[in-house]
Amino acid sequence: ACAPKLRSGAWFLDFNSASPGAKIRAGGIVAAAGGRYVEGAVMTSIPPYRIRVPLLLGGPHAAALAPLLDVLGFAGQAGPEKLGVASATKMCRSVMIKGLEAMVIESFTAARAWGVEDAVLASLAETFPGIDWEKQGAYFFQRVIQHGRRRAEEMREAAQTVREAGLEPWSAAGTAERQAWVADRADRGLFGDRNAPREDWRADADRILAATQP
């Protein structure tokens, strides 16, 4: 849609969370219109960094754009010249990060239903002593309740990234479904104000469980 309006030599920085194949196709369209396409992979949560969030740049024009972005206040780092590699880095990371969110919501809510959440958290703390699972659980619930719709869309692209690597994306596809599932319930008001601070994941798990009862 943008390509016909680009001036010759114009920069096109693509921040979208998309598969390497999608970025390669978009880059070809922009290049054919005379533009300079650079993929930008946002590598962590934007708060508290905001414009200084770590940004991995990719493509043949990435190195030339990086210092220009730095002047504007961005924290861009030029990565591989091969288009699609920067997005592959982000998407493969998302399989883990968004997957952990989905697994925590599923595991903790099911544990709450069976009344074994304290035992499960104690076992996790023994196996992974560096993680505060109470705090991490509340954070994951909040992130998915707030951003589950966008996360689900990103994870569908992550699943496509896995397919483009020749693997069946069972984990990534399942994560997309769980993120969307939570987003559907947030849209219906199950969690109240989705942007309100959530310090106790148990309250949200109880809301989910109450809504699943016949």
C-alpha atoms as a PDB file:
ATOM      1  CA  ALA A   1       0.000   0.000   0.000  1.00  0.00           C
ATOM      2  CA  CYS A   2       2.847   2.401   0.771  1.00  0.00           C
ATOM      3  CA  ALA A   3       5.135   1.453  -2.102  1.00  0.00           C
ATOM      4  CA  PRO A   4       3.456   3.557  -4.837  1.00  0.00           C
ATOM      5  CA  LYS A   5       3.843   6.671  -2.667  1.00  0.00           C
ATOM      6  CA  LEU A   6       7.540   6.236  -1.875  1.00  0.00           C
ATOM      7  CA  ARG A   7      10.074   8.683  -3.229  1.00  0.00           C
ATOM      8  CA  SER A   8      13.168   7.206  -4.823  1.00  0.00           C
ATOM      9  CA  GLY A   9      15.671   6.351  -2.100  1.00  0.00           C
ATOM     10  CA  ALA A  10      13.165   6.754   0.742  1.00  0.00           C
ATOM     11  CA  TRP A  11      13.715   4.706   3.866  1.00  0.00           C
ATOM     12  CA  PHE A  12      11.055   2.192   4.868  1.00  0.00           C
ATOM     13  CA  LEU A  13      11.566   0.859   8.400  1.00  0.00           C
ATOM     14  CA  ASP A  14       9.270  -2.088   9.140  1.00  0.00           C
ATOM     15  CA  PHE A  15       8.633  -2.641  12.858  1.00  0.00           C
ATOM     16  CA  ASN A  16       5.928  -5.259  12.352  1.00  0.00           C
ATOM     17  CA  SER A  17       6.286  -8.614  14.071  1.00  0.00           C
ATOM     18  CA  ALA A  18       6.219 -10.874  11.042  1.00  0.00           C
ATOM     19  CA  SER A  19       7.855 -13.993   9.677  1.00  0.00           C
ATOM     20  CA  PRO A  20      11.098 -13.778   7.686  1.00  0.00           C
ATOM     21  CA  GLY A  21       9.170 -14.697   4.554  1.00  0.00           C
ATOM     22  CA  ALA A  22       6.752 -11.804   5.049  1.00  0.00           C
ATOM     23  CA  LYS A  23       9.646  -9.367   5.531  1.00  0.00           C
ATOM     24  CA  ILE A  24      11.421 -10.649   2.429  1.00  0.00           C
ATOM     25  CA  ARG A  25       8.271 -10.179   0.346  1.00  0.00           C
ATOM     26  CA  ALA A  26       7.687  -6.682   1.750  1.00  0.00           C
ATOM     27  CA  GLY A  27      11.312  -5.773   1.115  1.00  0.00           C
ATOM     28  CA  GLY A  28      10.992  -6.818  -2.504  1.00  0.00           C
ATOM     29  CA  ILE A  29       7.938  -4.609  -2.996  1.00  0.00           C
ATOM     30  CA  VAL A  30       9.638  -1.575  -1.470  1.00  0.00           C
ATOM     31  CA  ALA A  31      12.840  -2.162  -3.437  1.00  0.00           C
ATOM     32  CA  ALA A  32      10.875  -2.443  -6.678  1.00  0.00           C
ATOM     33  CA  ALA A  33       9.376   0.984  -5.923  1.00  0.00           C
ATOM     34  CA  GLY A  34      12.843   2.463  -5.416  1.00  0.00           C
ATOM     35  CA  GLY A  35      12.760   2.526  -1.607  1.00  0.00           C
ATOM     36  CA  ARG A  36      15.298   1.264   0.918  1.00  0.00           C
ATOM     37  CA  TYR A  37      13.687  -1.371   3.142  1.00  0.00           C
ATOM     38  CA  VAL A  38      15.010  -2.135   6.633  1.00  0.00           C
ATOM     39  CA  GLU A  39      13.415  -4.593   9.037  1.00  0.00           C
ATOM     40  CA  GLY A  40      13.356  -3.574  12.678  1.00  0.00           C
ATOM     41  CA  ALA A  41      12.921  -6.257  15.342  1.00  0.00           C
ATOM     42  CA  VAL A  42      11.913  -4.903  18.765  1.00  0.00           C
ATOM     43  CA  MET A  43      13.784  -7.229  21.109  1.00  0.00           C
ATOM     44  CA  THR A  44      12.103  -6.683  24.475  1.00  0.00           C
ATOM     45  CA  SER A  45       9.154  -4.973  26.136  1.00  0.00           C
ATOM     46  CA  ILE A  46       8.966  -1.283  25.260  1.00  0.00           C
ATOM     47  CA  PRO A  47       8.431  -0.070  28.847  1.00  0.00           C
ATOM     48  CA  PRO A  48      10.585   1.283  30.432  1.00  0.00           C
ATOM     49  CA  TYR A  49      12.830   1.920  27.399  1.00  0.00           C
ATOM     50  CA  ARG A  50      10.239   3.524  25.122  1.00  0.00           C
ATOM     51  CA  ILE A  51      12.073   4.899  22.069  1.00  0.00           C
ATOM     52  CA  ARG A  52      15.357   3.474  23.386  1.00  0.00           C
ATOM     53  CA  VAL A  53      14.076  -0.100  23.333  1.00  0.00           C
ATOM     54  CA  PRO A  54      16.719  -2.439  21.838  1.00  0.00           C
ATOM     55  CA  LEU A  55      16.057  -2.598  18.104  1.00  0.00           C
ATOM     56  CA  LEU A  56      17.763  -5.121  15.842  1.00  0.00           C
ATOM     57  CA  LEU A  57      17.967  -3.864  12.268  1.00  0.00           C
ATOM     58  CA  GLY A  58      18.277  -6.156   9.282  1.00  0.00           C
ATOM     59  CA  GLY A  59      18.733  -6.074   5.546  1.00  0.00           C
ATOM     60  CA  PRO A  60      21.291  -4.628   3.116  1.00  0.00           C
ATOM     61  CA  HIS A  61      20.483  -1.025   4.132  1.00  0.00           C
ATOM     62  CA  ALA A  62      20.503  -1.586   7.916  1.00  0.00           C
ATOM     63  CA  ALA A  63      24.055  -0.367   8.534  1.00  0.00           C
ATOM     64  CA  ALA A  64      23.400   2.892   6.681  1.00  0.00           C
ATOM     65  CA  LEU A  65      20.175   3.598   8.590  1.00  0.00           C
ATOM     66  CA  ALA A  66      21.455   2.784  12.096  1.00  0.00           C
ATOM     67  CA  PRO A  67      23.361   6.078  12.711  1.00  0.00           C
ATOM     68  CA  LEU A  68      20.427   8.110  11.375  1.00  0.00           C
ATOM     69  CA  LEU A  69      18.097   6.416  13.852  1.00  0.00           C
ATOM     70  CA  ASP A  70      20.581   7.035  16.646  1.00  0.00           C
ATOM     71  CA  VAL A  71      20.377  10.785  15.958  1.00  0.00           C
ATOM     72  CA  LEU A  72      16.581  10.542  16.332  1.00  0.00           C
ATOM     73  CA  GLY A  73      16.949   8.858  19.724  1.00  0.00           C
ATOM     74  CA  PHE A  74      16.451   5.218  18.782  1.00  0.00           C
ATOM     75  CA  ALA A  75      18.719   2.406  19.959  1.00  0.00           C
ATOM     76  CA  GLY A  76      19.110   0.581  16.674  1.00  0.00           C
ATOM     77  CA  GLN A  77      21.806  -1.998  16.126  1.00  0.00           C
ATOM     78  CA  ALA A  78      22.627  -3.120  12.601  1.00  0.00           C
ATOM     79  CA  GLY A  79      22.374  -6.867  12.301  1.00  0.00           C
ATOM     80  CA  PRO A  80      22.694  -9.296   9.399  1.00  0.00           C
ATOM     81  CA  GLU A  81      22.558  -7.926   5.872  1.00  0.00           C
ATOM     82  CA  LYS A  82      20.398 -10.867   4.820  1.00  0.00           C
ATOM     83  CA  LEU A  83      16.782  -9.779   5.002  1.00  0.00           C
ATOM     84  CA  GLY A  84      14.607 -11.864   7.313  1.00  0.00           C
ATOM     85  CA  VAL A  85      17.310 -12.857   9.798  1.00  0.00           C
ATOM     86  CA  ALA A  86      16.532 -10.064  12.284  1.00  0.00           C
ATOM     87  CA  SER A  87      12.850 -11.002  12.255  1.00  0.00           C
ATOM     88  CA  ALA A  88      13.739 -14.672  12.667  1.00  0.00           C
ATOM     89  CA  THR A  89      15.682 -13.691  15.796  1.00  0.00           C
ATOM     90  CA  LYS A  90      12.652 -11.927  17.269  1.00  0.00           C
ATOM     91  CA  MET A  91      10.155 -14.584  16.243  1.00  0.00           C
ATOM     92  CA  CYS A  92      12.184 -17.455  17.676  1.00  0.00           C
ATOM     93  CA  ARG A  93      12.554 -15.472  20.903  1.00  0.00           C
ATOM     94  CA  SER A  94       8.789 -14.973  20.947  1.00  0.00           C
ATOM     95  CA  VAL A  95       8.203 -18.722  20.785  1.00  0.00           C
ATOM     96  CA  MET A  96       9.889 -18.838  24.195  1.00  0.00           C
ATOM     97  CA  ILE A  97       8.663 -15.608  25.821  1.00  0.00           C
ATOM     98  CA  LYS A  98       5.029 -15.706  24.731  1.00  0.00           C
ATOM     99  CA  GLY A  99       5.048 -19.469  25.165  1.00  0.00           C
ATOM    100  CA  LEU A 100       6.083 -19.076  28.802  1.00  0.00           C
ATOM    101  CA  GLU A 101       3.207 -16.660  29.328  1.00  0.00           C
ATOM    102  CA  ALA A 102       0.713 -19.114  27.859  1.00  0.00           C
ATOM    103  CA  MET A 103       2.126 -22.039  29.817  1.00  0.00           C
ATOM    104  CA  VAL A 104       2.034 -20.134  33.104  1.00  0.00           C
ATOM    105  CA  ILE A 105      -1.597 -19.150  32.599  1.00  0.00           C
ATOM    106  CA  GLU A 106      -2.571 -22.704  31.688  1.00  0.00           C
ATOM    107  CA  SER A 107      -0.489 -24.371  34.399  1.00  0.00           C
ATOM    108  CA  PHE A 108      -1.330 -21.966  37.212  1.00  0.00           C
ATOM    109  CA  THR A 109      -5.058 -21.857  36.425  1.00  0.00           C
ATOM    110  CA  ALA A 110      -5.306 -25.646  36.249  1.00  0.00           C
ATOM    111  CA  ALA A 111      -3.293 -25.924  39.471  1.00  0.00           C
ATOM    112  CA  ARG A 112      -5.683 -23.483  41.118  1.00  0.00           C
ATOM    113  CA  ALA A 113      -8.637 -25.608  40.000  1.00  0.00           C
ATOM    114  CA  TRP A 114      -7.095 -28.696  41.599  1.00  0.00           C
ATOM    115  CA  GLY A 115      -5.982 -26.820  44.729  1.00  0.00           C
ATOM    116  CA  VAL A 116      -2.308 -27.634  44.173  1.00  0.00           C
ATOM    117  CA  GLU A 117      -0.978 -24.194  43.221  1.00  0.00           C
ATOM    118  CA  ASP A 118       1.200 -23.821  46.340  1.00  0.00           C
ATOM    119  CA  ALA A 119       2.843 -27.193  45.738  1.00  0.00           C
ATOM    120  CA  VAL A 120       3.399 -26.409  42.058  1.00  0.00           C
ATOM    121  CA  LEU A 121       4.973 -23.031  42.823  1.00  0.00           C
ATOM    122  CA  ALA A 122       7.177 -24.565  45.502  1.00  0.00           C
ATOM    123  CA  SER A 123       8.382 -27.187  43.039  1.00  0.00           C
ATOM    124  CA  LEU A 124       9.084 -24.542  40.384  1.00  0.00           C
ATOM    125  CA  ALA A 125      11.010 -22.457  42.909  1.00  0.00           C
ATOM    126  CA  GLU A 126      13.181 -25.455  43.740  1.00  0.00           C
ATOM    127  CA  THR A 127      13.884 -26.181  40.071  1.00  0.00           C
ATOM    128  CA  PHE A 128      14.319 -22.526  39.043  1.00  0.00           C
ATOM    129  CA  PRO A 129      15.410 -20.738  42.256  1.00  0.00           C
ATOM    130  CA  GLY A 130      16.237 -17.503  40.453  1.00  0.00           C
ATOM    131  CA  ILE A 131      12.608 -16.794  39.516  1.00  0.00           C
ATOM    132  CA  ASP A 132       9.964 -15.352  41.841  1.00  0.00           C
ATOM    133  CA  TRP A 133       7.060 -17.386  40.459  1.00  0.00           C
ATOM    134  CA  GLU A 134       4.392 -15.476  42.388  1.00  0.00           C
ATOM    135  CA  LYS A 135       5.581 -12.183  40.939  1.00  0.00           C
ATOM    136  CA  GLN A 136       6.277 -13.651  37.509  1.00  0.00           C
ATOM    137  CA  GLY A 137       2.852 -15.266  37.417  1.00  0.00           C
ATOM    138  CA  ALA A 138       1.085 -11.979  38.167  1.00  0.00           C
ATOM    139  CA  TYR A 139       3.184 -10.234  35.519  1.00  0.00           C
ATOM    140  CA  PHE A 140       2.441 -12.837  32.851  1.00  0.00           C
ATOM    141  CA  PHE A 141      -1.298 -12.762  33.576  1.00  0.00           C
ATOM    142  CA  GLN A 142      -1.282  -8.967  33.320  1.00  0.00           C
ATOM    143  CA  ARG A 143       0.648  -8.907  30.053  1.00  0.00           C
ATOM    144  CA  VAL A 144      -1.642 -11.411  28.355  1.00  0.00           C
ATOM    145  CA  ILE A 145      -4.839  -9.803  29.678  1.00  0.00           C
ATOM    146  CA  GLN A 146      -3.619  -6.427  28.369  1.00  0.00           C
ATOM    147  CA  HIS A 147      -1.984  -7.491  25.117  1.00  0.00           C
ATOM    148  CA  GLY A 148      -3.230 -10.982  24.315  1.00  0.00           C
ATOM    149  CA  ARG A 149      -4.792 -10.004  20.994  1.00  0.00           C
ATOM    150  CA  ARG A 150      -1.583  -8.475  19.641  1.00  0.00           C
ATOM    151  CA  ARG A 151       0.435 -11.338  21.100  1.00  0.00           C
ATOM    152  CA  ALA A 152      -1.792 -13.911  19.399  1.00  0.00           C
ATOM    153  CA  GLU A 153      -1.242 -12.204  16.051  1.00  0.00           C
ATOM    154  CA  GLU A 154       2.506 -12.129  16.647  1.00  0.00           C
ATOM    155  CA  MET A 155       2.514 -15.809  17.579  1.00  0.00           C
ATOM    156  CA  ARG A 156       0.741 -16.739  14.364  1.00  0.00           C
ATOM    157  CA  GLU A 157       3.661 -15.091  12.591  1.00  0.00           C
ATOM    158  CA  ALA A 158       6.044 -16.934  14.902  1.00  0.00           C
ATOM    159  CA  ALA A 159       4.313 -20.181  13.922  1.00  0.00           C
ATOM    160  CA  GLN A 160       4.838 -19.265  10.268  1.00  0.00           C
ATOM    161  CA  THR A 161       8.511 -18.639  11.037  1.00  0.00           C
ATOM    162  CA  VAL A 162       8.775 -22.168  12.420  1.00  0.00           C
ATOM    163  CA  ARG A 163       7.032 -23.546   9.319  1.00  0.00           C
ATOM    164  CA  GLU A 164       9.448 -21.669   7.083  1.00  0.00           C
ATOM    165  CA  ALA A 165      12.233 -23.484   8.960  1.00  0.00           C
ATOM    166  CA  GLY A 166      10.631 -26.810   8.041  1.00  0.00           C
ATOM    167  CA  LEU A 167       9.115 -27.660  11.442  1.00  0.00           C
ATOM    168  CA  GLU A 168       5.526 -28.080  12.557  1.00  0.00           C
ATOM    169  CA  PRO A 169       4.815 -25.214  15.007  1.00  0.00           C
ATOM    170  CA  TRP A 170       2.887 -27.114  17.657  1.00  0.00           C
ATOM    171  CA  SER A 171       4.084 -24.911  20.535  1.00  0.00           C
ATOM    172  CA  ALA A 172       3.850 -21.579  18.721  1.00  0.00           C
ATOM    173  CA  ALA A 173       0.402 -22.356  17.301  1.00  0.00           C
ATOM    174  CA  GLY A 174      -0.852 -23.457  20.712  1.00  0.00           C
ATOM    175  CA  THR A 175       0.508 -20.286  22.279  1.00  0.00           C
ATOM    176  CA  ALA A 176      -1.364 -18.180  19.719  1.00  0.00           C
ATOM    177  CA  GLU A 177      -4.611 -19.947  20.613  1.00  0.00           C
ATOM    178  CA  ARG A 178      -4.145 -19.484  24.368  1.00  0.00           C
ATOM    179  CA  GLN A 179      -3.240 -15.808  23.992  1.00  0.00           C
ATOM    180  CA  ALA A 180      -6.311 -15.218  21.817  1.00  0.00           C
ATOM    181  CA  TRP A 181      -8.454 -17.225  24.256  1.00  0.00           C
ATOM    182  CA  VAL A 182      -7.496 -14.890  27.123  1.00  0.00           C
ATOM    183  CA  ALA A 183      -7.974 -11.842  24.891  1.00  0.00           C
ATOM    184  CA  ASP A 184     -11.512 -12.980  24.025  1.00  0.00           C
ATOM    185  CA  ARG A 185     -12.398 -13.082  27.708  1.00  0.00           C
ATOM    186  CA  ALA A 186     -10.741  -9.748  28.401  1.00  0.00           C
ATOM    187  CA  ASP A 187     -12.779  -8.228  25.567  1.00  0.00           C
ATOM    188  CA  ARG A 188     -15.947  -9.483  27.289  1.00  0.00           C
ATOM    189  CA  GLY A 189     -14.933  -7.754  30.527  1.00  0.00           C
ATOM    190  CA  LEU A 190     -14.078 -10.901  32.494  1.00  0.00           C
ATOM    191  CA  PHE A 191     -11.073  -9.252  34.141  1.00  0.00           C
ATOM    192  CA  GLY A 192     -12.574  -5.808  34.688  1.00  0.00           C
ATOM    193  CA  ASP A 193     -10.196  -3.021  33.737  1.00  0.00           C
ATOM    194  CA  ARG A 194      -7.597  -4.882  31.701  1.00  0.00           C
ATOM    195  CA  ASN A 195      -5.072  -2.071  32.284  1.00  0.00           C
ATOM    196  CA  ALA A 196      -5.383  -2.082  36.073  1.00  0.00           C
ATOM    197  CA  PRO A 197      -2.388  -3.388  38.062  1.00  0.00           C
ATOM    198  CA  ARG A 198      -2.727  -7.110  38.794  1.00  0.00           C
ATOM    199  CA  GLU A 199      -0.759  -8.217  41.831  1.00  0.00           C
ATOM    200  CA  ASP A 200      -2.457 -11.581  42.479  1.00  0.00           C
ATOM    201  CA  TRP A 201      -2.712 -14.025  39.602  1.00  0.00           C
ATOM    202  CA  ARG A 202      -5.038 -16.216  41.699  1.00  0.00           C
ATOM    203  CA  ALA A 203      -7.868 -13.693  41.387  1.00  0.00           C
ATOM    204  CA  ASP A 204      -7.630 -13.799  37.597  1.00  0.00           C
ATOM    205  CA  ALA A 205      -7.357 -17.583  37.585  1.00  0.00           C
ATOM    206  CA  ASP A 206     -10.514 -17.744  39.705  1.00  0.00           C
ATOM    207  CA  ARG A 207     -12.324 -15.499  37.226  1.00  0.00           C
ATOM    208  CA  ILE A 208     -11.310 -17.825  34.393  1.00  0.00           C
ATOM    209  CA  LEU A 209     -12.424 -20.904  36.305  1.00  0.00           C
ATOM    210  CA  ALA A 210     -15.744 -19.365  37.313  1.00  0.00           C
ATOM    211  CA  ALA A 211     -16.451 -18.492  33.679  1.00  0.00           C
ATOM    212  CA  THR A 212     -15.773 -22.053  32.516  1.00  0.00           C
ATOM    213  CA  GLN A 213     -18.314 -23.647  34.841  1.00  0.00           C
ATOM    214  CA  PRO A 214     -21.513 -24.852  33.126  1.00  0.00           C
END
